[in-house]
């Protein structure tokens, strides 16, 4: 989630002591999730390593820094049914946003920062040039790699065309009902409201059917990004391809989050050899006359 850098501690120079770095990451930990904090740390380590190589500083202060613990549970992407259900109950004026997030993997700040001109309907692509911060201000993308072009399919472009036909706009792609650009507060309100509608529907169905209601998963907006990544991986996308379209600063970040979704080496070995030797499956391979005769003689 993007951070308003105005809220970050202001120093007159780059922190160059271990204590300075620790204080910085303690502050970031109060604003960001563990994964985002570690992403910032990865970038800073590379910057400090380059500074040491260029003899700007004697040694890197990024040593023995305590970072927030990562949750043990692996990312579990939502199902297609869950995404479709969320799209159905969202208010019509932002329903296309669900389709866009699920079909592009954009961060919510990137979606809120989209202009109509960022969408190339003919080529089927969305250009990420900016993001909307929680403060409502517009800033640059999260990292240099976040500035990217994401290919999207007809499902996304058709949804956006229908959206603009119903709500014409010359600038911002998604606007509130009052005409102002869609912001974080409104998005979060509508998202939470949609979740409550889905839970209420489940509770009502359970009561009618005489069963115990199921508590629906606590789905957050970022789960749509996980949904997109998992679909790419299931379709055979490489680590590099997923990194590029998601705008991760490095492939290390991509693997840290999604490594468990890629097939293991043993699974890959089995799949490759099954594909190569598929003709030798019992009862499936072609058997020529000589082989058939030899087999009969042996019998």
Protein backbone atom coordinates (compact mmCIF):
# COMPACT_ATOMS: atom_id res chain seq x y z
CA UNK A 1 0.00 0.00 0.00
CA UNK A 2 1.49 3.37 -0.97
CA UNK A 3 2.73 5.66 1.76
CA UNK A 4 2.58 9.42 1.82
CA UNK A 5 6.28 10.22 2.09
CA UNK A 6 5.43 13.49 3.82
CA UNK A 7 4.67 11.35 6.86
CA UNK A 8 8.10 9.72 6.80
CA UNK A 9 10.86 11.00 9.08
CA UNK A 10 12.77 13.86 7.52
CA UNK A 11 16.54 13.76 7.90
CA UNK A 12 19.05 16.22 6.53
CA UNK A 13 21.19 13.35 5.22
CA UNK A 14 20.99 9.71 4.29
CA UNK A 15 21.03 7.57 7.44
CA UNK A 16 24.51 6.09 7.67
CA UNK A 17 24.55 4.45 11.10
CA UNK A 18 23.02 1.16 12.17
CA UNK A 19 20.97 2.96 14.81
CA UNK A 20 19.62 5.42 12.22
CA UNK A 21 18.56 2.54 9.99
CA UNK A 22 16.88 0.73 12.87
CA UNK A 23 14.92 3.85 13.84
CA UNK A 24 13.86 4.32 10.22
CA UNK A 25 12.52 0.77 9.94
CA UNK A 26 10.81 0.99 13.31
CA UNK A 27 8.93 4.00 11.96
CA UNK A 28 8.08 2.22 8.69
CA UNK A 29 6.84 -0.82 10.62
CA UNK A 30 4.17 1.39 12.20
CA UNK A 31 2.85 2.32 8.74
CA UNK A 32 3.46 -0.69 6.49
CA UNK A 33 2.98 -4.42 6.55
CA UNK A 34 5.95 -6.74 7.15
CA UNK A 35 6.31 -7.57 3.46
CA UNK A 36 6.42 -3.93 2.38
CA UNK A 37 8.96 -3.09 5.10
CA UNK A 38 11.21 -5.88 3.89
CA UNK A 39 10.85 -4.70 0.31
CA UNK A 40 12.09 -1.25 1.34
CA UNK A 41 14.94 -2.89 3.21
CA UNK A 42 15.97 -4.90 0.13
CA UNK A 43 16.19 -1.71 -1.93
CA UNK A 44 18.15 0.13 0.77
CA UNK A 45 20.63 -2.75 1.06
CA UNK A 46 21.35 -2.47 -2.66
CA UNK A 47 21.80 1.30 -2.41
CA UNK A 48 24.19 1.01 0.54
CA UNK A 49 26.13 -1.81 -1.13
CA UNK A 50 26.61 0.38 -4.20
CA UNK A 51 27.75 3.25 -1.95
CA UNK A 52 30.39 0.99 -0.37
CA UNK A 53 31.56 -0.18 -3.81
CA UNK A 54 31.89 3.45 -4.92
CA UNK A 55 33.76 4.29 -1.68
CA UNK A 56 31.10 6.83 -0.69
CA UNK A 57 30.82 5.14 2.71
CA UNK A 58 33.22 2.78 4.45
CA UNK A 59 30.71 0.05 5.30
CA UNK A 60 27.00 -0.65 4.96
CA UNK A 61 24.85 0.25 7.99
CA UNK A 62 22.28 -2.36 6.90
CA UNK A 63 23.64 -4.94 9.34
CA UNK A 64 21.90 -6.60 12.26
CA UNK A 65 18.69 -4.68 11.54
CA UNK A 66 15.61 -6.10 13.22
CA UNK A 67 12.73 -6.35 10.75
CA UNK A 68 9.10 -7.26 11.47
CA UNK A 69 8.40 -10.98 11.32
CA UNK A 70 6.63 -12.28 8.25
CA UNK A 71 3.40 -14.19 8.84
CA UNK A 72 3.86 -17.95 8.59
CA UNK A 73 0.84 -18.57 6.40
CA UNK A 74 1.28 -18.66 2.64
CA UNK A 75 -0.70 -16.43 0.30
CA UNK A 76 -4.03 -18.04 -0.57
CA UNK A 77 -5.51 -16.35 -3.65
CA UNK A 78 -9.30 -15.97 -3.84
CA UNK A 79 -11.25 -18.21 -6.17
CA UNK A 80 -12.87 -17.12 -9.42
CA UNK A 81 -16.27 -17.47 -7.70
CA UNK A 82 -15.21 -15.16 -4.87
CA UNK A 83 -13.97 -12.50 -7.30
CA UNK A 84 -17.15 -12.72 -9.37
CA UNK A 85 -19.31 -12.46 -6.25
CA UNK A 86 -17.46 -9.33 -5.14
CA UNK A 87 -17.90 -7.75 -8.58
CA UNK A 88 -21.66 -8.47 -8.50
CA UNK A 89 -22.30 -6.69 -5.22
CA UNK A 90 -20.06 -3.67 -5.74
CA UNK A 91 -21.89 -0.44 -6.68
CA UNK A 92 -22.19 -0.10 -10.48
CA UNK A 93 -20.00 3.02 -10.62
CA UNK A 94 -16.91 1.05 -9.51
CA UNK A 95 -17.82 -2.50 -10.55
CA UNK A 96 -15.34 -2.33 -13.44
CA UNK A 97 -12.60 -1.60 -10.91
CA UNK A 98 -12.89 -5.15 -9.54
CA UNK A 99 -12.55 -6.60 -13.04
CA UNK A 100 -9.57 -4.33 -13.73
CA UNK A 101 -7.76 -5.21 -10.51
CA UNK A 102 -8.32 -8.95 -10.99
CA UNK A 103 -7.33 -8.80 -14.65
CA UNK A 104 -4.24 -6.61 -14.35
CA UNK A 105 -2.72 -7.15 -10.91
CA UNK A 106 -2.51 -3.41 -10.29
CA UNK A 107 -2.10 -2.14 -6.74
CA UNK A 108 -5.11 -0.20 -5.52
CA UNK A 109 -3.12 3.05 -5.47
CA UNK A 110 -2.14 2.48 -9.10
CA UNK A 111 -5.76 1.89 -10.08
CA UNK A 112 -6.90 5.04 -8.29
CA UNK A 113 -4.20 6.98 -10.14
CA UNK A 114 -5.25 5.85 -13.62
CA UNK A 115 -6.35 8.36 -16.22
CA UNK A 116 -8.48 7.49 -19.24
CA UNK A 117 -5.46 8.17 -21.45
CA UNK A 118 -3.49 5.45 -19.64
CA UNK A 119 -5.65 2.75 -21.22
CA UNK A 120 -4.81 1.67 -24.77
CA UNK A 121 -8.04 -0.06 -25.79
CA UNK A 122 -6.75 -1.01 -29.23
CA UNK A 123 -3.53 -2.63 -27.99
CA UNK A 124 -5.11 -4.02 -24.82
CA UNK A 125 -2.73 -2.43 -22.33
CA UNK A 126 -2.71 -0.23 -19.24
CA UNK A 127 0.20 2.11 -18.58
CA UNK A 128 1.07 2.71 -14.91
CA UNK A 129 2.52 6.21 -14.55
CA UNK A 130 1.40 7.28 -11.07
CA UNK A 131 -0.42 6.25 -7.93
CA UNK A 132 -2.88 7.92 -5.59
CA UNK A 133 -1.64 8.04 -2.01
CA UNK A 134 -3.81 7.51 1.04
CA UNK A 135 -3.69 11.26 1.62
CA UNK A 136 -5.45 11.77 -1.72
CA UNK A 137 -2.36 13.25 -3.37
CA UNK A 138 -0.96 11.82 -6.58
CA UNK A 139 2.65 10.63 -6.60
CA UNK A 140 5.04 8.51 -8.65
CA UNK A 141 4.69 4.72 -8.67
CA UNK A 142 6.00 2.70 -5.72
CA UNK A 143 9.34 1.84 -7.36
CA UNK A 144 11.07 2.40 -10.68
CA UNK A 145 9.96 -1.07 -11.81
CA UNK A 146 6.36 -0.17 -10.90
CA UNK A 147 6.28 2.22 -13.85
CA UNK A 148 5.21 -0.31 -16.46
CA UNK A 149 2.78 -1.34 -19.19
CA UNK A 150 0.47 -4.22 -18.28
CA UNK A 151 -1.20 -6.24 -21.05
CA UNK A 152 -4.90 -6.84 -20.40
CA UNK A 153 -7.49 -8.99 -22.12
CA UNK A 154 -10.83 -8.14 -23.67
CA UNK A 155 -12.68 -8.87 -20.42
CA UNK A 156 -10.91 -5.89 -18.84
CA UNK A 157 -11.12 -3.54 -21.83
CA UNK A 158 -14.80 -4.37 -22.40
CA UNK A 159 -15.56 -3.67 -18.74
CA UNK A 160 -13.75 -0.32 -18.95
CA UNK A 161 -15.51 0.64 -22.19
CA UNK A 162 -18.88 -0.10 -20.58
CA UNK A 163 -17.79 1.85 -17.49
CA UNK A 164 -16.86 4.94 -19.53
CA UNK A 165 -20.04 4.69 -21.58
CA UNK A 166 -22.04 4.89 -18.35
CA UNK A 167 -19.73 7.44 -16.66
CA UNK A 168 -17.90 9.51 -19.30
CA UNK A 169 -14.68 11.14 -18.10
CA UNK A 170 -11.93 13.09 -19.81
CA UNK A 171 -9.35 12.67 -17.07
CA UNK A 172 -9.57 10.19 -14.19
CA UNK A 173 -10.69 6.69 -15.09
CA UNK A 174 -12.59 6.08 -11.85
CA UNK A 175 -14.58 8.83 -10.18
CA UNK A 176 -17.00 9.03 -7.30
CA UNK A 177 -20.67 9.67 -7.83
CA UNK A 178 -20.03 13.36 -7.12
CA UNK A 179 -17.54 13.50 -9.98
CA UNK A 180 -14.37 13.73 -7.89
CA UNK A 181 -11.56 11.20 -8.39
CA UNK A 182 -12.16 7.97 -6.49
CA UNK A 183 -10.09 7.99 -3.29
CA UNK A 184 -8.96 5.46 -0.70
CA UNK A 185 -11.57 6.29 1.89
CA UNK A 186 -14.48 5.84 -0.52
CA UNK A 187 -12.98 2.68 -1.98
CA UNK A 188 -12.49 1.11 1.45
CA UNK A 189 -16.05 2.04 2.46
CA UNK A 190 -17.54 0.46 -0.66
CA UNK A 191 -15.32 -2.63 -0.39
CA UNK A 192 -16.25 -3.28 3.24
CA UNK A 193 -19.90 -2.67 2.42
CA UNK A 194 -19.76 -5.28 -0.36
CA UNK A 195 -18.20 -7.82 2.01
CA UNK A 196 -21.03 -7.25 4.50
CA UNK A 197 -23.60 -7.78 1.73
CA UNK A 198 -22.03 -11.12 0.81
CA UNK A 199 -21.91 -12.26 4.43
CA UNK A 200 -25.52 -11.21 4.99
CA UNK A 201 -26.54 -13.20 1.90
CA UNK A 202 -24.75 -16.29 3.27
CA UNK A 203 -26.39 -15.84 6.67
CA UNK A 204 -29.82 -15.58 5.05
CA UNK A 205 -29.26 -18.65 2.91
CA UNK A 206 -28.09 -20.64 5.93
CA UNK A 207 -31.18 -19.68 7.90
CA UNK A 208 -33.49 -20.69 5.07
CA UNK A 209 -31.70 -24.01 4.64
CA UNK A 210 -31.56 -24.75 8.33
CA UNK A 211 -27.77 -24.95 8.55
CA UNK A 212 -24.97 -23.09 10.26
CA UNK A 213 -23.76 -20.03 8.35
CA UNK A 214 -20.23 -20.11 6.97
CA UNK A 215 -17.98 -17.19 7.84
CA UNK A 216 -16.66 -15.97 4.50
CA UNK A 217 -12.90 -15.38 4.10
CA UNK A 218 -11.73 -11.90 5.05
CA UNK A 219 -10.95 -10.80 1.52
CA UNK A 220 -8.98 -7.57 1.07
CA UNK A 221 -8.33 -5.56 -2.08
CA UNK A 222 -4.74 -6.80 -2.37
CA UNK A 223 -6.09 -10.34 -2.73
CA UNK A 224 -7.12 -9.42 -6.29
CA UNK A 225 -3.43 -8.88 -7.04
CA UNK A 226 -2.70 -12.34 -5.64
CA UNK A 227 -5.52 -13.71 -7.79
CA UNK A 228 -3.93 -12.24 -10.92
CA UNK A 229 -0.47 -13.57 -10.04
CA UNK A 230 -1.78 -17.05 -9.27
CA UNK A 231 -3.64 -17.17 -12.61
CA UNK A 232 -0.45 -16.25 -14.48
CA UNK A 233 1.56 -18.88 -12.62
CA UNK A 234 -1.09 -21.53 -13.26
CA UNK A 235 -0.88 -20.61 -16.94
CA UNK A 236 2.86 -21.27 -17.01
CA UNK A 237 4.26 -17.73 -16.62
CA UNK A 238 7.91 -17.46 -15.58
CA UNK A 239 9.13 -15.70 -12.44
CA UNK A 240 10.50 -12.86 -14.58
CA UNK A 241 7.23 -12.37 -16.41
CA UNK A 242 5.23 -12.23 -13.18
CA UNK A 243 7.76 -9.80 -11.68
CA UNK A 244 7.51 -7.45 -14.67
CA UNK A 245 3.72 -7.25 -14.87
CA UNK A 246 3.34 -6.89 -11.10
CA UNK A 247 6.03 -4.19 -10.97
CA UNK A 248 8.10 -5.85 -8.25
CA UNK A 249 11.51 -4.26 -7.67
CA UNK A 250 13.18 -7.67 -7.99
CA UNK A 251 12.39 -11.31 -8.70
CA UNK A 252 13.36 -12.06 -5.09
CA UNK A 253 10.20 -10.28 -3.94
CA UNK A 254 8.08 -12.24 -6.43
CA UNK A 255 9.49 -15.54 -5.23
CA UNK A 256 9.15 -14.60 -1.58
CA UNK A 257 5.41 -14.13 -2.03
CA UNK A 258 4.50 -16.70 -4.67
CA UNK A 259 7.19 -19.42 -4.68
CA UNK A 260 4.75 -21.97 -3.24
CA UNK A 261 2.45 -21.53 -6.24
CA UNK A 262 5.05 -22.63 -8.79
CA UNK A 263 5.37 -26.39 -9.33
CA UNK A 264 8.37 -27.90 -7.54
CA UNK A 265 11.32 -29.33 -9.41
CA UNK A 266 10.13 -32.89 -8.77
CA UNK A 267 6.69 -32.07 -10.16
CA UNK A 268 8.30 -30.41 -13.17
CA UNK A 269 10.53 -33.45 -13.78
CA UNK A 270 7.53 -35.80 -13.68
CA UNK A 271 5.50 -33.58 -16.02
CA UNK A 272 8.36 -33.23 -18.54
CA UNK A 273 9.12 -36.93 -18.66
CA UNK A 274 5.44 -37.87 -18.88
CA UNK A 275 5.14 -35.54 -21.87
CA UNK A 276 8.24 -37.00 -23.54
CA UNK A 277 7.36 -40.64 -22.86
CA UNK A 278 3.62 -40.32 -23.21
CA UNK A 279 3.55 -42.75 -26.15
CA UNK A 280 4.89 -45.53 -23.93
CA UNK A 281 1.95 -45.52 -21.54
CA UNK A 282 0.44 -48.99 -21.13
CA UNK A 283 -2.23 -49.53 -23.78
CA UNK A 284 -1.60 -46.09 -25.31
CA UNK A 285 1.59 -46.48 -27.34
CA UNK A 286 1.66 -47.65 -30.93
CA UNK A 287 2.96 -51.20 -31.31
CA UNK A 288 4.39 -52.29 -34.67
CA UNK A 289 4.03 -55.77 -36.15
CA UNK A 290 7.46 -56.97 -35.05
CA UNK A 291 6.87 -55.89 -31.47
CA UNK A 292 3.45 -57.52 -31.45
CA UNK A 293 4.88 -60.75 -32.82
CA UNK A 294 7.74 -60.80 -30.32
CA UNK A 295 5.34 -60.17 -27.48
CA UNK A 296 3.17 -63.07 -28.65
CA UNK A 297 6.13 -65.43 -28.85
CA UNK A 298 7.24 -64.49 -25.35
CA UNK A 299 3.74 -65.14 -24.05
